[in-house]
Each structure stands twice: as structure tokens, then as C-alpha cells.
Protein backbone atom coordinates (compact mmCIF):
# COMPACT_ATOMS: atom_id res chain seq x y z
CA MET A 1 58.17 22.49 -15.77
CA ASP A 2 54.22 21.53 -16.41
CA ARG A 3 52.23 24.52 -16.46
CA THR A 4 48.78 22.59 -15.96
CA VAL A 5 46.83 21.85 -12.76
CA THR A 6 44.34 19.55 -12.96
CA LEU A 7 41.73 19.94 -9.34
CA PHE A 8 38.93 17.18 -8.36
CA LEU A 9 36.48 19.61 -6.36
CA CYS A 10 33.05 18.81 -5.78
CA GLY A 11 30.06 20.27 -3.37
CA ASP A 12 28.95 18.79 0.23
CA VAL A 13 30.21 15.50 0.81
CA MET A 14 27.77 14.88 4.49
CA THR A 15 29.19 12.17 5.46
CA GLY A 16 26.77 11.72 8.43
CA ARG A 17 23.91 10.38 9.78
CA GLY A 18 22.76 7.54 7.93
CA VAL A 19 26.24 7.60 5.98
CA ASP A 20 27.41 7.25 8.82
CA GLN A 21 25.09 3.93 10.05
CA ILE A 22 26.15 1.96 7.12
CA LEU A 23 29.69 2.48 7.99
CA LEU A 24 32.48 0.47 9.82
CA CYS A 25 31.78 2.05 13.26
CA PRO A 26 28.49 3.87 13.34
CA SER A 27 28.08 6.86 16.17
CA GLY A 28 24.80 6.15 18.31
CA PRO A 29 21.58 6.62 16.19
CA GLU A 30 20.64 8.94 18.16
CA ILE A 31 19.30 12.66 16.31
CA HIS A 32 17.72 15.66 17.50
CA GLU A 33 15.47 16.24 14.54
CA SER A 34 11.57 17.49 14.93
CA TYR A 35 10.23 14.24 13.12
CA VAL A 36 12.90 11.92 12.83
CA ARG A 37 15.28 10.90 16.30
CA ASP A 38 16.80 8.20 14.66
CA ALA A 39 19.39 8.02 12.02
CA ARG A 40 18.45 5.19 10.51
CA ASP A 41 15.79 5.63 9.46
CA TYR A 42 17.43 7.62 6.37
CA VAL A 43 18.65 4.45 5.75
CA THR A 44 15.24 2.66 5.50
CA LEU A 45 14.17 5.28 3.33
CA ALA A 46 17.06 5.01 0.78
CA GLU A 47 16.43 1.97 0.98
CA GLN A 48 12.74 1.99 0.53
CA ALA A 49 13.28 4.99 -2.61
CA SER A 50 16.11 2.10 -3.69
CA GLY A 51 16.34 -1.23 -1.98
CA PRO A 52 18.08 -3.12 0.05
CA ILE A 53 21.89 -1.33 1.51
CA PRO A 54 24.60 -3.15 2.76
CA ARG A 55 26.17 -2.23 6.56
CA SER A 56 29.32 -2.46 7.69
CA VAL A 57 30.39 -1.38 4.09
CA ASP A 58 34.04 -1.01 3.15
CA PRO A 59 35.03 2.57 3.47
CA ALA A 60 35.54 3.08 0.27
CA TYR A 61 31.78 2.00 -0.48
CA ILE A 62 30.40 5.54 -1.02
CA TRP A 63 32.17 7.04 -3.51
CA GLY A 64 31.40 3.90 -5.77
CA ASP A 65 31.78 4.64 -9.36
CA ALA A 66 33.64 7.98 -8.20
CA VAL A 67 36.63 5.91 -7.68
CA ALA A 68 37.50 5.59 -10.25
CA GLU A 69 36.77 8.78 -12.29
CA LEU A 70 39.65 10.13 -9.91
CA GLU A 71 42.00 7.51 -10.94
CA ARG A 72 41.89 7.75 -14.12
CA ALA A 73 41.73 12.00 -13.93
CA ALA A 74 44.93 11.58 -11.37
CA PRO A 75 44.38 15.49 -10.23
CA ASP A 76 47.27 17.33 -8.31
CA ALA A 77 44.54 17.92 -5.50
CA ARG A 78 41.36 16.63 -4.44
CA ILE A 79 38.99 19.16 -2.16
CA VAL A 80 35.49 18.53 -0.59
CA ASN A 81 33.25 20.42 1.56
CA LEU A 82 32.97 18.66 4.47
CA GLU A 83 29.82 19.30 5.82
CA VAL A 84 29.35 17.21 9.64
CA SER A 85 31.39 17.02 12.80
CA VAL A 86 34.14 14.12 13.38
CA THR A 87 33.56 13.42 16.57
CA ARG A 88 31.84 11.08 19.53
CA SER A 89 30.59 14.12 21.28
CA ALA A 90 27.08 13.97 22.48
CA GLU A 91 26.52 17.75 23.26
CA HIS A 92 24.52 18.38 20.34
CA TRP A 93 23.44 21.94 19.11
CA LYS A 94 20.77 23.49 20.73
CA GLY A 95 18.17 24.31 18.39
CA LYS A 96 19.50 23.94 15.37
CA GLY A 97 17.07 21.61 14.51
CA ILE A 98 19.81 19.33 12.47
CA ASN A 99 22.42 17.91 13.51
CA TYR A 100 25.34 16.03 11.32
CA ARG A 101 27.47 13.61 12.95
CA MET A 102 30.40 11.11 12.17
CA HIS A 103 32.09 8.17 14.08
CA PRO A 104 35.94 9.79 14.17
CA ALA A 105 36.50 5.71 12.72
CA ASN A 106 34.99 6.41 9.87
CA VAL A 107 37.57 8.83 8.29
CA ALA A 108 38.69 6.15 6.76
CA CYS A 109 35.59 6.69 4.51
CA LEU A 110 37.58 10.46 3.40
CA VAL A 111 41.02 8.49 2.98
CA ALA A 112 39.77 5.85 0.25
CA ALA A 113 39.34 8.51 -2.09
CA ARG A 114 42.64 9.90 -1.06
CA ILE A 115 40.96 13.85 -0.36
CA ASP A 116 44.34 16.27 0.77
CA VAL A 117 41.58 19.39 1.63
CA CYS A 118 38.24 19.30 3.53
CA ALA A 119 36.85 22.68 3.47
CA LEU A 120 34.96 23.29 6.57
CA ALA A 121 33.25 26.73 6.86
CA ASN A 122 30.13 25.60 6.56
CA ASN A 123 26.20 25.08 8.55
CA HIS A 124 27.41 21.55 10.19
CA VAL A 125 30.88 21.74 10.92
CA LEU A 126 29.82 23.14 14.88
CA ASP A 127 26.92 20.66 14.91
CA TYR A 128 28.07 19.02 18.31
CA GLY A 129 30.12 22.44 19.51
CA ASP A 130 33.89 23.38 20.29
CA ALA A 131 34.40 20.14 21.60
CA GLY A 132 32.67 18.08 18.63
CA LEU A 133 35.31 20.71 16.27
CA GLU A 134 38.01 20.60 18.34
CA GLU A 135 37.68 16.65 17.81
CA THR A 136 37.22 17.23 14.10
CA LEU A 137 40.32 19.47 13.04
CA ALA A 138 42.83 16.31 15.43
CA THR A 139 40.81 13.54 13.95
CA LEU A 140 41.59 14.65 10.13
CA SER A 141 44.52 16.21 11.17
CA ALA A 142 46.02 12.54 12.46
CA ALA A 143 44.24 10.84 8.88
CA GLY A 144 46.36 13.44 7.33
CA LEU A 145 43.76 15.48 6.12
CA LYS A 146 44.44 19.20 5.47
CA THR A 147 41.89 21.63 6.63
CA ALA A 148 40.44 25.40 5.45
CA GLY A 149 37.74 27.66 6.92
CA ALA A 150 37.85 26.37 10.77
CA GLY A 151 39.76 26.77 13.44
CA ARG A 152 41.09 26.14 17.69
CA HIS A 153 40.98 30.13 17.24
CA LEU A 154 40.77 32.45 14.38
CA ALA A 155 43.80 32.49 13.11
CA GLU A 156 44.13 28.90 12.54
CA ALA A 157 40.77 29.51 10.92
CA GLN A 158 42.23 31.22 8.34
CA ARG A 159 45.25 30.05 8.08
CA PRO A 160 45.23 28.18 4.06
CA ALA A 161 45.62 24.94 3.35
CA ILE A 162 48.92 24.09 1.56
CA VAL A 163 49.20 21.03 -0.92
CA ASP A 164 53.01 20.91 -2.90
CA ARG A 165 53.04 19.12 -5.67
CA PRO A 166 55.61 17.39 -7.52
CA GLY A 167 57.33 19.93 -9.96
CA GLY A 168 56.68 22.81 -7.75
CA HIS A 169 53.92 23.75 -7.96
CA ARG A 170 51.66 24.39 -4.87
CA VAL A 171 47.57 24.43 -4.35
CA ILE A 172 46.69 26.42 -2.12
CA VAL A 173 43.18 26.52 -1.21
CA LEU A 174 40.86 29.43 1.81
CA ALA A 175 37.76 28.72 2.73
CA VAL A 176 34.95 30.97 3.67
CA GLY A 177 31.41 30.66 5.05
CA SER A 178 28.77 33.11 4.78
CA GLY A 179 25.83 33.84 6.99
CA THR A 180 23.54 33.50 4.29
CA SER A 181 24.07 29.35 3.87
CA GLY A 182 23.00 29.18 7.43
CA ILE A 183 26.08 29.56 9.28
CA PRO A 184 25.03 30.89 13.38
CA PRO A 185 26.65 34.44 14.30
CA ASP A 186 28.34 32.52 17.52
CA TRP A 187 30.09 30.48 14.89
CA ALA A 188 32.88 32.68 14.57
CA ALA A 189 36.36 32.19 15.43
CA THR A 190 38.03 35.07 17.44
CA GLU A 191 40.73 34.84 18.89
CA GLU A 192 39.67 33.38 22.17
CA ARG A 193 36.89 31.12 20.24
CA PRO A 194 37.04 28.32 18.35
CA GLY A 195 35.16 28.28 15.30
CA VAL A 196 34.75 28.92 11.06
CA ASP A 197 35.80 32.12 9.56
CA ARG A 198 32.53 33.43 9.58
CA LEU A 199 32.42 35.87 6.50
CA GLU A 200 30.56 39.44 7.72
CA ASP A 201 29.29 40.61 4.52
CA LEU A 202 30.22 39.91 1.06
CA SER A 203 31.44 43.33 0.81
CA ASP A 204 33.97 45.24 -1.53
CA ARG A 205 35.87 45.71 1.13
CA THR A 206 35.72 42.08 2.82
CA ALA A 207 36.96 40.94 -0.62
CA SER A 208 39.40 42.76 -0.10
CA ALA A 209 40.70 41.64 3.14
CA ILE A 210 40.77 37.64 1.44
CA VAL A 211 42.85 39.58 -1.40
CA ALA A 212 44.71 40.76 1.00
CA ARG A 213 45.51 37.53 2.53
CA VAL A 214 46.21 35.22 -0.50
CA ARG A 215 49.08 38.49 -1.96
CA PRO A 216 51.62 36.71 1.46
CA VAL A 217 50.95 33.44 0.01
CA LYS A 218 50.43 33.00 -3.20
CA ARG A 219 53.87 32.87 -5.68
CA PRO A 220 54.50 32.04 -9.31
CA GLY A 221 53.38 28.33 -10.41
CA ASP A 222 50.75 28.15 -7.28
CA VAL A 223 47.07 27.72 -7.46
CA VAL A 224 45.12 29.80 -5.22
CA VAL A 225 41.32 28.45 -4.56
CA ALA A 226 38.45 30.86 -2.74
CA SER A 227 36.07 28.07 -1.17
CA ILE A 228 33.03 29.80 -0.78
CA HIS A 229 29.70 28.43 1.80
CA TRP A 230 26.97 30.65 0.67
CA GLY A 231 23.24 30.63 -0.55
CA SER A 232 20.29 28.86 0.32
CA ASN A 233 19.76 25.31 -0.26
CA TRP A 234 17.24 25.51 -3.36
CA GLY A 235 16.96 27.62 -6.58
CA TYR A 236 19.45 28.63 -9.17
CA GLU A 237 19.59 32.66 -9.26
CA VAL A 238 22.78 34.02 -8.51
CA PRO A 239 22.33 36.70 -6.40
CA ARG A 240 24.25 40.12 -7.22
CA ALA A 241 26.66 39.93 -4.15
CA HIS A 242 27.77 36.85 -4.96
CA ALA A 243 28.59 37.12 -8.38
CA ARG A 244 30.08 40.60 -7.81
CA PHE A 245 32.27 38.60 -4.73
CA ALA A 246 33.44 35.74 -6.92
CA HIS A 247 35.26 38.55 -9.53
CA ARG A 248 36.33 40.90 -6.81
CA LEU A 249 38.41 37.67 -5.23
CA ILE A 250 39.11 37.05 -9.18
CA ASP A 251 40.45 40.56 -10.06
CA GLY A 252 42.48 40.41 -6.75
CA GLY A 253 44.39 36.70 -7.12
CA VAL A 254 42.18 34.09 -6.44
CA ASP A 255 41.97 31.84 -9.66
CA ILE A 256 38.92 29.68 -8.60
CA VAL A 257 35.97 30.26 -6.34
CA HIS A 258 34.61 27.32 -4.87
CA GLY A 259 30.73 27.70 -4.07
CA HIS A 260 28.68 25.29 -2.54
CA SER A 261 25.75 25.44 -0.04
CA SER A 262 23.07 24.06 -2.91
CA HIS A 263 22.02 20.49 -2.20
CA HIS A 264 22.46 20.73 -6.35
CA PRO A 265 24.49 22.27 -8.94
CA ARG A 266 24.72 26.28 -9.73
CA PRO A 267 25.71 28.54 -13.07
CA ILE A 268 29.18 28.19 -14.23
CA GLU A 269 30.67 31.67 -15.19
CA VAL A 270 34.68 31.95 -17.19
CA TYR A 271 35.38 35.92 -15.52
CA ARG A 272 38.38 37.57 -17.26
CA GLY A 273 39.97 33.82 -18.31
CA LYS A 274 39.08 32.10 -14.98
CA LEU A 275 36.65 29.67 -12.62
CA ALA A 276 33.64 30.42 -10.81
CA LEU A 277 32.01 27.76 -9.74
CA TYR A 278 28.20 29.33 -8.12
CA GLY A 279 27.03 26.37 -6.96
CA CYS A 280 28.47 22.70 -6.85
CA GLY A 281 25.28 21.19 -5.30
CA ASP A 282 26.01 17.85 -2.95
CA PHE A 283 27.92 14.55 -3.85
CA ILE A 284 27.77 12.43 -1.03
CA ASP A 285 24.42 12.28 1.47
CA ASP A 286 21.14 10.63 2.98
CA TYR A 287 18.98 12.18 1.10
CA GLU A 288 17.87 9.52 -1.45
CA GLY A 289 14.85 9.13 -0.72
CA ILE A 290 12.76 12.05 1.10
CA SER A 291 10.36 13.83 -0.95
CA GLY A 292 10.33 17.56 -1.75
CA HIS A 293 12.20 19.09 -4.47
CA GLU A 294 12.24 16.62 -6.90
CA GLU A 295 12.29 19.83 -10.29
CA TYR A 296 15.71 19.82 -8.96
CA ARG A 297 17.00 15.91 -8.93
CA ASP A 298 19.49 16.27 -5.87
CA ASP A 299 19.50 12.72 -6.81
CA LEU A 300 21.87 13.43 -9.53
CA VAL A 301 25.56 15.25 -9.43
CA LEU A 302 29.22 16.05 -10.50
CA MET A 303 32.49 15.74 -10.39
CA TYR A 304 34.14 18.89 -11.02
CA PHE A 305 37.80 18.39 -12.25
CA PRO A 306 39.25 21.78 -14.17
CA THR A 307 42.65 22.03 -15.75
CA VAL A 308 44.34 25.97 -15.41
CA ASP A 309 47.37 27.22 -16.40
CA ALA A 310 49.71 27.65 -13.37
CA HIS A 311 51.62 30.54 -14.23
CA THR A 312 47.63 32.52 -15.62
CA GLY A 313 45.64 30.79 -13.62
CA ARG A 314 42.67 31.28 -16.08
CA LEU A 315 40.85 28.16 -17.17
CA VAL A 316 42.45 25.49 -19.82
CA GLU A 317 39.38 22.93 -19.86
CA LEU A 318 36.33 21.73 -16.96
CA VAL A 319 35.56 17.94 -17.34
CA LEU A 320 32.29 16.87 -15.07
CA VAL A 321 31.47 13.92 -14.40
CA PRO A 322 27.80 12.71 -14.19
CA MET A 323 26.77 10.97 -11.07
CA ARG A 324 23.61 9.57 -9.85
CA ILE A 325 23.33 8.47 -6.37
CA GLN A 326 21.58 4.91 -5.27
CA LYS A 327 22.19 3.40 -2.27
CA MET A 328 24.15 5.67 -0.35
CA ARG A 329 26.72 5.32 -3.32
CA LEU A 330 28.14 7.11 -6.05
CA ASN A 331 27.17 5.69 -9.40
CA ARG A 332 27.58 6.64 -13.21
CA ALA A 333 24.54 8.31 -14.36
CA PRO A 334 23.46 6.89 -17.27
CA PRO A 335 23.19 8.76 -20.34
CA ALA A 336 19.58 10.04 -20.76
CA GLU A 337 20.12 11.47 -16.59
CA ALA A 338 23.73 12.93 -17.91
CA GLU A 339 22.05 14.52 -21.08
CA TRP A 340 19.67 15.98 -18.73
CA LEU A 341 22.21 17.37 -16.86
CA ARG A 342 24.25 19.12 -19.11
CA ASP A 343 20.88 20.72 -20.20
CA ARG A 344 20.59 22.21 -16.47
CA VAL A 345 23.84 23.33 -16.61
CA THR A 346 24.18 25.08 -20.04
CA ALA A 347 20.16 27.16 -19.03
CA ILE A 348 21.46 28.36 -15.28
CA SER A 349 24.98 28.94 -16.86
CA ARG A 350 23.09 30.85 -20.47
CA ALA A 351 23.53 34.35 -18.73
CA PHE A 352 27.02 33.43 -17.46
CA GLY A 353 28.37 32.82 -21.18
CA SER A 354 28.85 29.29 -20.66
CA ARG A 355 27.61 25.53 -21.84
CA VAL A 356 28.31 22.24 -21.68
CA ASP A 357 28.32 19.49 -24.16
CA MET A 358 29.06 16.25 -23.91
CA THR A 359 31.43 14.03 -24.40
CA ALA A 360 30.99 10.16 -26.55
CA ASP A 361 32.09 8.55 -23.12
CA GLY A 362 28.78 10.73 -21.10
CA ARG A 363 31.16 13.63 -19.80
CA LEU A 364 30.70 16.53 -20.00
CA LEU A 365 32.61 19.14 -21.25
CA LEU A 366 32.20 23.66 -21.36
CA ALA A 367 32.53 25.60 -23.36
CA SER A 368 32.47 29.34 -22.12
CA ARG A 369 32.84 32.28 -23.71
CA GLN A 370 33.53 35.91 -21.61
CA ARG A 371 30.63 38.69 -21.90
CA PRO A 372 30.45 41.94 -21.22
CA GLU A 373 30.48 42.97 -18.02
CA ARG A 374 28.07 45.11 -17.88
CA ARG A 375 25.90 41.95 -19.49
CA ARG A 376 25.70 39.93 -16.72
CA PRO A 377 22.19 39.54 -15.63
CA LEU A 378 22.23 38.44 -11.77
CA THR A 379 19.49 39.01 -9.32
CA SER A 380 19.62 40.95 -6.78
């Protein structure tokens, strides 16, 4: 039996609003934002930045060069944070400011990339209310995609997604969300109410409760991923509470911490031999052409391919593939931009004992060394 398991992880996959408008079956363009009322305006902004974008595109269009990278890596499971409501509902969540919706017929764009698991414990999955969430769950299930982190009641929201792989290994995904990412308190699932698995806090007690859910499910050869939506959109700092929470999960049996919410990559750490990604950044969105925060280069994104020893959960290798969002499509980042990502990820991860090197083919490879726990510089 092969001892290793390779995963594909990325940050936020937002296929609503402008992205939804270029797909085969766009939703009605009306949106409810302070400055923009028509989702097609986001396509116009992207075209002003990069040139004409086709309409009624093939479902695989938005993945662009990422499709070939996925085929090359042949991961055992493909896991994304799906940050959109997949629904025909027009009843948006009032007062939220930004509401993301994709037409259910466009779920083919997720199938085209052969996504296995959609983490849903985020601050957009209920943008169109309970009805929108229920249609999202039904649509993804009918398309053969597994979900974690949201449900028709708390038990379903807490139920892990399990991907069976040949050879007996399983990939187990739990998805949770923190209020620090903007998930409203009213979105928390209960025994009687649909919603997301929203964390009350990031305390040791909360971490222990998640670990207690892992232990009965995990068996030898399984790889457990905790997918966490947390933190602000901008900035490279890792709050002390986030690092402590990630460490407690790993101490309790989680093998990979898959963090997301920030619009750009955040630091990478290898803690006790296991991988903690504090923020994977955006991956697919319609932000092209929107000004502000240019120093973060949120158009440059990463595909994360960790390979772990299935019997110990320890990281064997982490390959990162730099991409650039252009014309609402993922394109291999040119060398200069791949180097920018290499330098930035190394700079922000140095305090965690990690750096990334560039390979001859333009991919990035994590080089990490363990550091004594007392020397971890964190922010409060």
C-alpha cells in the first residue's frame, strides 16, 4: 500500500457575481451593493484591465491552466472553499452589503475541475438565506460533490466529508468558520436551524471539541484536513489565537490545517511535522480591475499540493504552483510574478521557520525547519 497521499488545496473559489455572468447560464444581474447594482459591471471592470472576456464560456474556462496542473499532480482529493450560494433564490440576506450567487446550472464549472469536497463554513454560503443554502446543498450533492461545514441542521453541518481512495486511504475533511471572517452569528447552525458550523471562539475548549469529533472517525491510513475560514481579508499577520488553535488541532490528530479568508496568501508553518496553511488566499473571483490594496497582488494566487505520509500525517512535500487571474481565467504566472510570490511567501513565513524555493519549471517548493515553540513570534 502506498504510504503517501497528495491533496489539492486552494483558497476561496468565488464563482458568483461577475464570474457567474460569463458562464453558460448566468443568474439575473441584479445585486444589492452600495455602489454596484449590476453584476455585469464586474465583467466590465475586468475587461477594462485586461481586454475582452468571452461570454457563455465552457465550464472549464475559469480554471484555465490549472486544469493541466491538476492532471499532472493527480491529487487523491481536490478540496476548495466554495464562497458562494448556488441558488435561483432572489431573497438575498438583507443588510450584508455583498451577496454572492451562482446559478445552479453553472455547477458544471466545479465538476469540470473534478472537485471532490467543497468547504462551506464561510461568510457567503447563506448570502441568499436558508432557501439558498438548501438549494446549494442539493445542487452540489446532485452533481456528485461532497460538502462540509454547512447543513440543514447542526449535525449535518458538523458531518465530515469523506473521500475514499484506492488502497484503503481516506481523506476526511471537517470545515468550520470563525466570526473573525465575518460570518454573522445568526448563520450558526442549530439542531432546528440550517446554517454553518460557526465556531463560538478559538479557545482550547473549542479546539478540543473538534478533536473529539475527529477521533471516532479517523482510522489508520486516513488523512484529516481541518478547513477553517478565519481572519481578515488583508494583512499578513497571524494572530496568536489562530496559531494556538492550529497547534491544538494538530496535537489532537488533525494532519493539515487549511486556512482561508484572506484575499492573498498568509504564512506557512510546519508544526510537529504537519502542515498549517494560515491563509491560502483567493483562487477564483471577479476582483480583476478593482483598485485598492495593490501591494498584496491578489491577482497572483497559488495552487497548494501537499503530499503527506498517510500513516503519520507528516508532510513529505509541499508544491505550490503560481497562477495569475486574468480575463477571469487562471493562467500560469510568468517567471517574474512567480518570483514575486516566492519572495513574498518566504518573507511572511520566515518567522515560522519556512521558506519557498523556485524549481526549474517555475513551481515553488516549501523548505521548512522546525523551531522551538517558545520562539514563535506571533501577533495578538
